[in-house]
Amino acid sequence: MKVSQSTQRLQKTKYLGSSAQDRVELEDKQRVHREFSATQRRKSVDLNMAH
């Protein structure tokens, strides 16, 4: 019984760890996308001012 409890705990920890990792990766992707969008907007504003 004790072995299965510690195994479950280990699996849960592993799951929580991977979930946190996925969340960090998702936040990175969102941040990169926001920065890219801001850069694109800035470029379009520069182009409009050049005309």
PDB file of N, CA and C in Angstrom:
ATOM      1  N   MET A   1       0.834  -1.206   0.000  1.00  0.00           N
ATOM      2  CA  MET A   1       0.000   0.000   0.000  1.00  0.00           C
ATOM      3  C   MET A   1       0.872   1.261   0.000  1.00  0.00           C
ATOM      4  N   LYS A   2       1.887   1.250   0.828  1.00  0.00           N
ATOM      5  CA  LYS A   2       2.740   2.429   0.935  1.00  0.00           C
ATOM      6  C   LYS A   2       3.468   2.693  -0.392  1.00  0.00           C
ATOM      7  N   VAL A   3       3.863   1.646  -1.066  1.00  0.00           N
ATOM      8  CA  VAL A   3       4.586   1.789  -2.335  1.00  0.00           C
ATOM      9  C   VAL A   3       3.696   2.484  -3.371  1.00  0.00           C
ATOM     10  N   SER A   4       2.440   2.055  -3.468  1.00  0.00           N
ATOM     11  CA  SER A   4       1.548   2.653  -4.463  1.00  0.00           C
ATOM     12  C   SER A   4       1.281   4.126  -4.132  1.00  0.00           C
ATOM     13  N   GLN A   5       1.208   4.466  -2.853  1.00  0.00           N
ATOM     14  CA  GLN A   5       0.983   5.868  -2.473  1.00  0.00           C
ATOM     15  C   GLN A   5       2.162   6.731  -2.900  1.00  0.00           C
ATOM     16  N   SER A   6       3.372   6.249  -2.672  1.00  0.00           N
ATOM     17  CA  SER A   6       4.535   7.048  -3.043  1.00  0.00           C
ATOM     18  C   SER A   6       4.663   7.119  -4.566  1.00  0.00           C
ATOM     19  N   THR A   7       4.247   6.063  -5.257  1.00  0.00           N
ATOM     20  CA  THR A   7       4.279   6.084  -6.718  1.00  0.00           C
ATOM     21  C   THR A   7       3.272   7.103  -7.241  1.00  0.00           C
ATOM     22  N   GLN A   8       2.085   7.123  -6.650  1.00  0.00           N
ATOM     23  CA  GLN A   8       1.079   8.101  -7.063  1.00  0.00           C
ATOM     24  C   GLN A   8       1.578   9.519  -6.817  1.00  0.00           C
ATOM     25  N   ARG A   9       2.225   9.700  -5.692  1.00  0.00           N
ATOM     26  CA  ARG A   9       2.726  11.032  -5.350  1.00  0.00           C
ATOM     27  C   ARG A   9       3.780  11.452  -6.378  1.00  0.00           C
ATOM     28  N   LEU A  10       4.634  10.517  -6.746  1.00  0.00           N
ATOM     29  CA  LEU A  10       5.689  10.793  -7.712  1.00  0.00           C
ATOM     30  C   LEU A  10       5.077  11.165  -9.063  1.00  0.00           C
ATOM     31  N   GLN A  11       4.071  10.405  -9.485  1.00  0.00           N
ATOM     32  CA  GLN A  11       3.426  10.690 -10.765  1.00  0.00           C
ATOM     33  C   GLN A  11       2.739  12.052 -10.731  1.00  0.00           C
ATOM     34  N   LYS A  12       2.119  12.379  -9.602  1.00  0.00           N
ATOM     35  CA  LYS A  12       1.438  13.658  -9.478  1.00  0.00           C
ATOM     36  C   LYS A  12       2.454  14.793  -9.563  1.00  0.00           C
ATOM     37  N   THR A  13       3.570  14.636  -8.890  1.00  0.00           N
ATOM     38  CA  THR A  13       4.619  15.656  -8.916  1.00  0.00           C
ATOM     39  C   THR A  13       5.143  15.816 -10.336  1.00  0.00           C
ATOM     40  N   LYS A  14       5.342  14.686 -10.996  1.00  0.00           N
ATOM     41  CA  LYS A  14       5.824  14.707 -12.365  1.00  0.00           C
ATOM     42  C   LYS A  14       4.830  15.449 -13.247  1.00  0.00           C
ATOM     43  N   TYR A  15       3.558  15.182 -13.055  1.00  0.00           N
ATOM     44  CA  TYR A  15       2.506  15.837 -13.833  1.00  0.00           C
ATOM     45  C   TYR A  15       2.502  17.346 -13.565  1.00  0.00           C
ATOM     46  N   LEU A  16       2.565  17.704 -12.304  1.00  0.00           N
ATOM     47  CA  LEU A  16       2.558  19.127 -11.956  1.00  0.00           C
ATOM     48  C   LEU A  16       3.778  19.822 -12.547  1.00  0.00           C
ATOM     49  N   GLY A  17       4.902  19.137 -12.537  1.00  0.00           N
ATOM     50  CA  GLY A  17       6.124  19.705 -13.104  1.00  0.00           C
ATOM     51  C   GLY A  17       5.987  19.944 -14.588  1.00  0.00           C
ATOM     52  N   SER A  18       5.434  18.973 -15.308  1.00  0.00           N
ATOM     53  CA  SER A  18       5.289  19.131 -16.755  1.00  0.00           C
ATOM     54  C   SER A  18       4.251  20.200 -17.058  1.00  0.00           C
ATOM     55  N   SER A  19       3.238  20.295 -16.227  1.00  0.00           N
ATOM     56  CA  SER A  19       2.208  21.310 -16.417  1.00  0.00           C
ATOM     57  C   SER A  19       2.820  22.702 -16.255  1.00  0.00           C
ATOM     58  N   ALA A  20       3.657  22.872 -15.253  1.00  0.00           N
ATOM     59  CA  ALA A  20       4.311  24.165 -15.028  1.00  0.00           C
ATOM     60  C   ALA A  20       5.230  24.491 -16.199  1.00  0.00           C
ATOM     61  N   GLN A  21       5.929  23.498 -16.703  1.00  0.00           N
ATOM     62  CA  GLN A  21       6.831  23.694 -17.847  1.00  0.00           C
ATOM     63  C   GLN A  21       6.032  24.129 -19.072  1.00  0.00           C
ATOM     64  N   ASP A  22       4.904  23.486 -19.311  1.00  0.00           N
ATOM     65  CA  ASP A  22       4.055  23.850 -20.450  1.00  0.00           C
ATOM     66  C   ASP A  22       3.564  25.287 -20.316  1.00  0.00           C
ATOM     67  N   ARG A  23       3.222  25.660 -19.089  1.00  0.00           N
ATOM     68  CA  ARG A  23       2.718  27.016 -18.854  1.00  0.00           C
ATOM     69  C   ARG A  23       3.817  28.040 -19.160  1.00  0.00           C
ATOM     70  N   VAL A  24       5.037  27.741 -18.750  1.00  0.00           N
ATOM     71  CA  VAL A  24       6.160  28.653 -19.008  1.00  0.00           C
ATOM     72  C   VAL A  24       6.376  28.783 -20.510  1.00  0.00           C
ATOM     73  N   GLU A  25       6.343  27.651 -21.226  1.00  0.00           N
ATOM     74  CA  GLU A  25       6.529  27.690 -22.674  1.00  0.00           C
ATOM     75  C   GLU A  25       5.419  28.484 -23.340  1.00  0.00           C
ATOM     76  N   LEU A  26       4.196  28.319 -22.866  1.00  0.00           N
ATOM     77  CA  LEU A  26       3.061  29.038 -23.436  1.00  0.00           C
ATOM     78  C   LEU A  26       3.239  30.536 -23.217  1.00  0.00           C
ATOM     79  N   GLU A  27       3.649  30.927 -22.007  1.00  0.00           N
ATOM     80  CA  GLU A  27       3.858  32.342 -21.723  1.00  0.00           C
ATOM     81  C   GLU A  27       4.960  32.915 -22.610  1.00  0.00           C
ATOM     82  N   ASP A  28       6.011  32.139 -22.836  1.00  0.00           N
ATOM     83  CA  ASP A  28       7.094  32.594 -23.717  1.00  0.00           C
ATOM     84  C   ASP A  28       6.565  32.829 -25.121  1.00  0.00           C
ATOM     85  N   LYS A  29       5.771  31.894 -25.622  1.00  0.00           N
ATOM     86  CA  LYS A  29       5.226  32.031 -26.974  1.00  0.00           C
ATOM     87  C   LYS A  29       4.334  33.260 -27.076  1.00  0.00           C
ATOM     88  N   GLN A  30       3.519  33.491 -26.045  1.00  0.00           N
ATOM     89  CA  GLN A  30       2.629  34.654 -26.064  1.00  0.00           C
ATOM     90  C   GLN A  30       3.438  35.946 -26.040  1.00  0.00           C
ATOM     91  N   ARG A  31       4.511  35.949 -25.247  1.00  0.00           N
ATOM     92  CA  ARG A  31       5.341  37.146 -25.144  1.00  0.00           C
ATOM     93  C   ARG A  31       6.017  37.424 -26.485  1.00  0.00           C
ATOM     94  N   VAL A  32       6.547  36.390 -27.101  1.00  0.00           N
ATOM     95  CA  VAL A  32       7.200  36.541 -28.399  1.00  0.00           C
ATOM     96  C   VAL A  32       6.201  37.051 -29.424  1.00  0.00           C
ATOM     97  N   HIS A  33       4.999  36.513 -29.402  1.00  0.00           N
ATOM     98  CA  HIS A  33       3.967  36.933 -30.347  1.00  0.00           C
ATOM     99  C   HIS A  33       3.616  38.411 -30.136  1.00  0.00           C
ATOM    100  N   ARG A  34       3.496  38.816 -28.873  1.00  0.00           N
ATOM    101  CA  ARG A  34       3.189  40.222 -28.583  1.00  0.00           C
ATOM    102  C   ARG A  34       4.308  41.126 -29.088  1.00  0.00           C
ATOM    103  N   GLU A  35       5.567  40.732 -28.840  1.00  0.00           N
ATOM    104  CA  GLU A  35       6.697  41.544 -29.282  1.00  0.00           C
ATOM    105  C   GLU A  35       6.732  41.614 -30.806  1.00  0.00           C
ATOM    106  N   PHE A  36       6.451  40.495 -31.453  1.00  0.00           N
ATOM    107  CA  PHE A  36       6.441  40.452 -32.914  1.00  0.00           C
ATOM    108  C   PHE A  36       5.340  41.368 -33.449  1.00  0.00           C
ATOM    109  N   SER A  37       4.162  41.289 -32.845  1.00  0.00           N
ATOM    110  CA  SER A  37       3.043  42.129 -33.279  1.00  0.00           C
ATOM    111  C   SER A  37       3.377  43.602 -33.102  1.00  0.00           C
ATOM    112  N   ALA A  38       3.993  43.931 -31.993  1.00  0.00           N
ATOM    113  CA  ALA A  38       4.364  45.327 -31.729  1.00  0.00           C
ATOM    114  C   ALA A  38       5.377  45.792 -32.766  1.00  0.00           C
ATOM    115  N   THR A  39       6.317  44.944 -33.109  1.00  0.00           N
ATOM    116  CA  THR A  39       7.332  45.277 -34.115  1.00  0.00           C
ATOM    117  C   THR A  39       6.671  45.493 -35.468  1.00  0.00           C
ATOM    118  N   GLN A  40       5.725  44.615 -35.814  1.00  0.00           N
ATOM    119  CA  GLN A  40       5.033  44.747 -37.092  1.00  0.00           C
ATOM    120  C   GLN A  40       4.247  46.065 -37.142  1.00  0.00           C
ATOM    121  N   ARG A  41       3.589  46.395 -36.041  1.00  0.00           N
ATOM    122  CA  ARG A  41       2.824  47.641 -35.995  1.00  0.00           C
ATOM    123  C   ARG A  41       3.755  48.832 -36.160  1.00  0.00           C
ATOM    124  N   ARG A  42       4.898  48.785 -35.492  1.00  0.00           N
ATOM    125  CA  ARG A  42       5.857  49.881 -35.566  1.00  0.00           C
ATOM    126  C   ARG A  42       6.344  50.048 -37.001  1.00  0.00           C
ATOM    127  N   LYS A  43       6.612  48.932 -37.669  1.00  0.00           N
ATOM    128  CA  LYS A  43       7.074  48.996 -39.056  1.00  0.00           C
ATOM    129  C   LYS A  43       6.014  49.619 -39.941  1.00  0.00           C
ATOM    130  N   SER A  44       4.756  49.243 -39.754  1.00  0.00           N
ATOM    131  CA  SER A  44       3.694  49.781 -40.605  1.00  0.00           C
ATOM    132  C   SER A  44       3.518  51.279 -40.338  1.00  0.00           C
ATOM    133  N   VAL A  45       3.693  51.710 -39.092  1.00  0.00           N
ATOM    134  CA  VAL A  45       3.590  53.137 -38.765  1.00  0.00           C
ATOM    135  C   VAL A  45       4.743  53.875 -39.444  1.00  0.00           C
ATOM    136  N   ASP A  46       5.948  53.323 -39.387  1.00  0.00           N
ATOM    137  CA  ASP A  46       7.102  53.943 -40.039  1.00  0.00           C
ATOM    138  C   ASP A  46       6.858  54.074 -41.539  1.00  0.00           C
ATOM    139  N   LEU A  47       6.313  53.031 -42.151  1.00  0.00           N
ATOM    140  CA  LEU A  47       6.048  53.070 -43.586  1.00  0.00           C
ATOM    141  C   LEU A  47       5.027  54.144 -43.919  1.00  0.00           C
ATOM    142  N   ASN A  48       3.989  54.255 -43.088  1.00  0.00           N
ATOM    143  CA  ASN A  48       2.960  55.271 -43.328  1.00  0.00           C
ATOM    144  C   ASN A  48       3.538  56.678 -43.199  1.00  0.00           C
ATOM    145  N   MET A  49       4.445  56.874 -42.278  1.00  0.00           N
ATOM    146  CA  MET A  49       5.037  58.198 -42.079  1.00  0.00           C
ATOM    147  C   MET A  49       5.981  58.535 -43.227  1.00  0.00           C
ATOM    148  N   ALA A  50       6.589  57.527 -43.840  1.00  0.00           N
ATOM    149  CA  ALA A  50       7.529  57.754 -44.929  1.00  0.00           C
ATOM    150  C   ALA A  50       6.815  58.282 -46.178  1.00  0.00           C
ATOM    151  N   HIS A  51       5.542  57.958 -46.323  1.00  0.00           N
ATOM    152  CA  HIS A  51       4.814  58.375 -47.545  1.00  0.00           C
ATOM    153  C   HIS A  51       4.381  59.825 -47.475  1.00  0.00           C
TER     154      HIS A  51
END
